[in-house]
């Protein structure tokens, strides 16, 4: 589940709860926009844009 992956990535980086939840939501929202289980967008770039 990409939400969990985004959330845990934020946790591992020491981000606060709100930022971790946002990362999870960003990752999940990207992957459900198309067929397949792999994201097509650069999740790192998306996260930087939203968390900046």
PDB file of N, CA and C in Angstrom:
ATOM      1  N   UNK A   1       0.844  -1.175   0.000  1.00  0.00           N
ATOM      2  CA  UNK A   1       0.000   0.000   0.000  1.00  0.00           C
ATOM      3  C   UNK A   1       0.886   1.234   0.000  1.00  0.00           C
ATOM      4  N   UNK A   2       0.690   2.056  -0.980  1.00  0.00           N
ATOM      5  CA  UNK A   2       1.565   3.220  -1.128  1.00  0.00           C
ATOM      6  C   UNK A   2       1.308   4.292  -0.075  1.00  0.00           C
ATOM      7  N   UNK A   3       0.095   4.321   0.490  1.00  0.00           N
ATOM      8  CA  UNK A   3      -0.136   5.251   1.598  1.00  0.00           C
ATOM      9  C   UNK A   3       0.792   4.912   2.752  1.00  0.00           C
ATOM     10  N   UNK A   4       0.841   3.640   3.106  1.00  0.00           N
ATOM     11  CA  UNK A   4       1.703   3.210   4.216  1.00  0.00           C
ATOM     12  C   UNK A   4       3.164   3.505   3.910  1.00  0.00           C
ATOM     13  N   UNK A   5       3.576   3.299   2.673  1.00  0.00           N
ATOM     14  CA  UNK A   5       4.967   3.565   2.301  1.00  0.00           C
ATOM     15  C   UNK A   5       5.305   5.044   2.463  1.00  0.00           C
ATOM     16  N   UNK A   6       4.416   5.912   2.019  1.00  0.00           N
ATOM     17  CA  UNK A   6       4.650   7.344   2.172  1.00  0.00           C
ATOM     18  C   UNK A   6       4.672   7.766   3.625  1.00  0.00           C
ATOM     19  N   UNK A   7       3.736   7.236   4.398  1.00  0.00           N
ATOM     20  CA  UNK A   7       3.676   7.557   5.824  1.00  0.00           C
ATOM     21  C   UNK A   7       4.943   7.103   6.537  1.00  0.00           C
ATOM     22  N   UNK A   8       5.370   5.882   6.278  1.00  0.00           N
ATOM     23  CA  UNK A   8       6.568   5.354   6.931  1.00  0.00           C
ATOM     24  C   UNK A   8       7.832   6.078   6.473  1.00  0.00           C
ATOM     25  N   UNK A   9       7.873   6.503   5.230  1.00  0.00           N
ATOM     26  CA  UNK A   9       9.026   7.282   4.760  1.00  0.00           C
ATOM     27  C   UNK A   9       9.121   8.594   5.528  1.00  0.00           C
ATOM     28  N   UNK A  10       7.994   9.223   5.765  1.00  0.00           N
ATOM     29  CA  UNK A  10       7.992  10.448   6.552  1.00  0.00           C
ATOM     30  C   UNK A  10       8.412  10.200   7.989  1.00  0.00           C
ATOM     31  N   UNK A  11       7.931   9.113   8.557  1.00  0.00           N
ATOM     32  CA  UNK A  11       8.297   8.750   9.927  1.00  0.00           C
ATOM     33  C   UNK A  11       9.795   8.499  10.030  1.00  0.00           C
ATOM     34  N   UNK A  12      10.348   7.786   9.062  1.00  0.00           N
ATOM     35  CA  UNK A  12      11.780   7.479   9.071  1.00  0.00           C
ATOM     36  C   UNK A  12      12.624   8.747   8.949  1.00  0.00           C
ATOM     37  N   UNK A  13      12.075   9.765   8.314  1.00  0.00           N
ATOM     38  CA  UNK A  13      12.803  11.033   8.159  1.00  0.00           C
ATOM     39  C   UNK A  13      12.572  11.981   9.331  1.00  0.00           C
ATOM     40  N   UNK A  14      11.771  11.548  10.299  1.00  0.00           N
ATOM     41  CA  UNK A  14      11.551  12.363  11.488  1.00  0.00           C
ATOM     42  C   UNK A  14      10.551  13.491  11.310  1.00  0.00           C
ATOM     43  N   UNK A  15       9.686  13.381  10.306  1.00  0.00           N
ATOM     44  CA  UNK A  15       8.678  14.417  10.081  1.00  0.00           C
ATOM     45  C   UNK A  15       7.560  14.301  11.107  1.00  0.00           C
ATOM     46  N   UNK A  16       6.820  15.386  11.297  1.00  0.00           N
ATOM     47  CA  UNK A  16       5.702  15.343  12.237  1.00  0.00           C
ATOM     48  C   UNK A  16       4.539  14.543  11.643  1.00  0.00           C
ATOM     49  N   UNK A  17       3.547  14.256  12.473  1.00  0.00           N
ATOM     50  CA  UNK A  17       2.437  13.400  12.065  1.00  0.00           C
ATOM     51  C   UNK A  17       1.702  13.951  10.846  1.00  0.00           C
ATOM     52  N   UNK A  18       1.429  15.245  10.833  1.00  0.00           N
ATOM     53  CA  UNK A  18       0.701  15.831   9.707  1.00  0.00           C
ATOM     54  C   UNK A  18       1.475  15.664   8.403  1.00  0.00           C
ATOM     55  N   UNK A  19       2.771  15.898   8.429  1.00  0.00           N
ATOM     56  CA  UNK A  19       3.592  15.745   7.223  1.00  0.00           C
ATOM     57  C   UNK A  19       3.631  14.287   6.775  1.00  0.00           C
ATOM     58  N   UNK A  20       3.703  13.358   7.713  1.00  0.00           N
ATOM     59  CA  UNK A  20       3.700  11.932   7.370  1.00  0.00           C
ATOM     60  C   UNK A  20       2.389  11.543   6.690  1.00  0.00           C
ATOM     61  N   UNK A  21       1.280  12.039   7.224  1.00  0.00           N
ATOM     62  CA  UNK A  21      -0.024  11.760   6.622  1.00  0.00           C
ATOM     63  C   UNK A  21      -0.130  12.375   5.233  1.00  0.00           C
ATOM     64  N   UNK A  22       0.411  13.564   5.052  1.00  0.00           N
ATOM     65  CA  UNK A  22       0.395  14.198   3.732  1.00  0.00           C
ATOM     66  C   UNK A  22       1.213  13.390   2.725  1.00  0.00           C
ATOM     67  N   UNK A  23       2.382  12.906   3.143  1.00  0.00           N
ATOM     68  CA  UNK A  23       3.196  12.081   2.240  1.00  0.00           C
ATOM     69  C   UNK A  23       2.446  10.823   1.836  1.00  0.00           C
ATOM     70  N   UNK A  24       1.799  10.179   2.791  1.00  0.00           N
ATOM     71  CA  UNK A  24       1.004   8.994   2.481  1.00  0.00           C
ATOM     72  C   UNK A  24      -0.109   9.304   1.500  1.00  0.00           C
ATOM     73  N   UNK A  25      -0.793  10.412   1.712  1.00  0.00           N
ATOM     74  CA  UNK A  25      -1.886  10.803   0.822  1.00  0.00           C
ATOM     75  C   UNK A  25      -1.386  11.131  -0.580  1.00  0.00           C
ATOM     76  N   UNK A  26      -0.244  11.806  -0.669  1.00  0.00           N
ATOM     77  CA  UNK A  26       0.344  12.137  -1.974  1.00  0.00           C
ATOM     78  C   UNK A  26       0.656  10.857  -2.748  1.00  0.00           C
ATOM     79  N   UNK A  27       1.296   9.921  -2.081  1.00  0.00           N
ATOM     80  CA  UNK A  27       1.683   8.673  -2.734  1.00  0.00           C
ATOM     81  C   UNK A  27       0.453   7.876  -3.166  1.00  0.00           C
ATOM     82  N   UNK A  28      -0.528   7.758  -2.281  1.00  0.00           N
ATOM     83  CA  UNK A  28      -1.736   6.997  -2.603  1.00  0.00           C
ATOM     84  C   UNK A  28      -2.522   7.656  -3.734  1.00  0.00           C
ATOM     85  N   UNK A  29      -2.636   8.972  -3.695  1.00  0.00           N
ATOM     86  CA  UNK A  29      -3.391   9.682  -4.730  1.00  0.00           C
ATOM     87  C   UNK A  29      -2.750   9.514  -6.102  1.00  0.00           C
ATOM     88  N   UNK A  30      -1.441   9.494  -6.158  1.00  0.00           N
ATOM     89  CA  UNK A  30      -0.762   9.355  -7.451  1.00  0.00           C
ATOM     90  C   UNK A  30      -0.981   7.965  -8.036  1.00  0.00           C
ATOM     91  N   UNK A  31      -0.867   6.937  -7.214  1.00  0.00           N
ATOM     92  CA  UNK A  31      -0.917   5.573  -7.750  1.00  0.00           C
ATOM     93  C   UNK A  31      -2.333   5.157  -8.155  1.00  0.00           C
ATOM     94  N   UNK A  32      -3.371   5.744  -7.557  1.00  0.00           N
ATOM     95  CA  UNK A  32      -4.729   5.334  -7.932  1.00  0.00           C
ATOM     96  C   UNK A  32      -5.234   6.046  -9.183  1.00  0.00           C
ATOM     97  N   UNK A  33      -4.440   6.934  -9.751  1.00  0.00           N
ATOM     98  CA  UNK A  33      -4.864   7.676 -10.934  1.00  0.00           C
ATOM     99  C   UNK A  33      -4.645   6.916 -12.241  1.00  0.00           C
ATOM    100  N   UNK A  34      -4.104   5.722 -12.173  1.00  0.00           N
ATOM    101  CA  UNK A  34      -3.847   4.959 -13.394  1.00  0.00           C
ATOM    102  C   UNK A  34      -3.861   3.468 -13.081  1.00  0.00           C
ATOM    103  N   UNK A  35      -3.856   2.646 -14.114  1.00  0.00           N
ATOM    104  CA  UNK A  35      -3.800   1.200 -13.935  1.00  0.00           C
ATOM    105  C   UNK A  35      -2.394   0.781 -13.553  1.00  0.00           C
ATOM    106  N   UNK A  36      -2.301  -0.222 -12.709  1.00  0.00           N
ATOM    107  CA  UNK A  36      -1.005  -0.744 -12.291  1.00  0.00           C
ATOM    108  C   UNK A  36      -0.652  -0.296 -10.888  1.00  0.00           C
ATOM    109  N   UNK A  37       0.340  -0.947 -10.337  1.00  0.00           N
ATOM    110  CA  UNK A  37       0.701  -0.707  -8.939  1.00  0.00           C
ATOM    111  C   UNK A  37       1.909   0.207  -8.767  1.00  0.00           C
ATOM    112  N   UNK A  38       2.471   0.672  -9.854  1.00  0.00           N
ATOM    113  CA  UNK A  38       3.666   1.514  -9.746  1.00  0.00           C
ATOM    114  C   UNK A  38       3.330   2.961 -10.083  1.00  0.00           C
ATOM    115  N   UNK A  39       3.864   3.882  -9.294  1.00  0.00           N
ATOM    116  CA  UNK A  39       3.613   5.295  -9.602  1.00  0.00           C
ATOM    117  C   UNK A  39       4.293   5.700 -10.901  1.00  0.00           C
ATOM    118  N   UNK A  40       3.635   6.555 -11.661  1.00  0.00           N
ATOM    119  CA  UNK A  40       4.221   7.044 -12.909  1.00  0.00           C
ATOM    120  C   UNK A  40       4.942   8.371 -12.709  1.00  0.00           C
ATOM    121  N   UNK A  41       4.582   9.098 -11.672  1.00  0.00           N
ATOM    122  CA  UNK A  41       5.200  10.399 -11.391  1.00  0.00           C
ATOM    123  C   UNK A  41       6.367  10.224 -10.425  1.00  0.00           C
ATOM    124  N   UNK A  42       7.211  11.223 -10.372  1.00  0.00           N
ATOM    125  CA  UNK A  42       8.320  11.237  -9.424  1.00  0.00           C
ATOM    126  C   UNK A  42       7.769  11.644  -8.058  1.00  0.00           C
ATOM    127  N   UNK A  43       7.625  10.677  -7.158  1.00  0.00           N
ATOM    128  CA  UNK A  43       7.028  10.944  -5.851  1.00  0.00           C
ATOM    129  C   UNK A  43       7.875  11.896  -5.012  1.00  0.00           C
ATOM    130  N   UNK A  44       9.177  11.859  -5.189  1.00  0.00           N
ATOM    131  CA  UNK A  44      10.046  12.770  -4.442  1.00  0.00           C
ATOM    132  C   UNK A  44       9.749  14.216  -4.822  1.00  0.00           C
ATOM    133  N   UNK A  45       9.589  14.471  -6.094  1.00  0.00           N
ATOM    134  CA  UNK A  45       9.277  15.827  -6.553  1.00  0.00           C
ATOM    135  C   UNK A  45       7.895  16.263  -6.074  1.00  0.00           C
ATOM    136  N   UNK A  46       6.921  15.363  -6.129  1.00  0.00           N
ATOM    137  CA  UNK A  46       5.580  15.692  -5.642  1.00  0.00           C
ATOM    138  C   UNK A  46       5.610  16.040  -4.159  1.00  0.00           C
ATOM    139  N   UNK A  47       6.333  15.264  -3.389  1.00  0.00           N
ATOM    140  CA  UNK A  47       6.412  15.496  -1.947  1.00  0.00           C
ATOM    141  C   UNK A  47       7.080  16.834  -1.648  1.00  0.00           C
ATOM    142  N   UNK A  48       8.137  17.155  -2.370  1.00  0.00           N
ATOM    143  CA  UNK A  48       8.824  18.434  -2.142  1.00  0.00           C
ATOM    144  C   UNK A  48       7.907  19.610  -2.439  1.00  0.00           C
ATOM    145  N   UNK A  49       7.106  19.495  -3.497  1.00  0.00           N
ATOM    146  CA  UNK A  49       6.185  20.572  -3.852  1.00  0.00           C
ATOM    147  C   UNK A  49       5.130  20.787  -2.773  1.00  0.00           C
ATOM    148  N   UNK A  50       4.579  19.720  -2.252  1.00  0.00           N
ATOM    149  CA  UNK A  50       3.493  19.823  -1.282  1.00  0.00           C
ATOM    150  C   UNK A  50       3.998  20.202   0.096  1.00  0.00           C
ATOM    151  N   UNK A  51       5.150  19.685   0.492  1.00  0.00           N
ATOM    152  CA  UNK A  51       5.656  19.922   1.838  1.00  0.00           C
ATOM    153  C   UNK A  51       6.488  21.193   1.959  1.00  0.00           C
ATOM    154  N   UNK A  52       6.748  21.853   0.847  1.00  0.00           N
ATOM    155  CA  UNK A  52       7.587  23.066   0.889  1.00  0.00           C
ATOM    156  C   UNK A  52       6.903  24.230   1.560  1.00  0.00           C
TER     157      UNK A  52
END
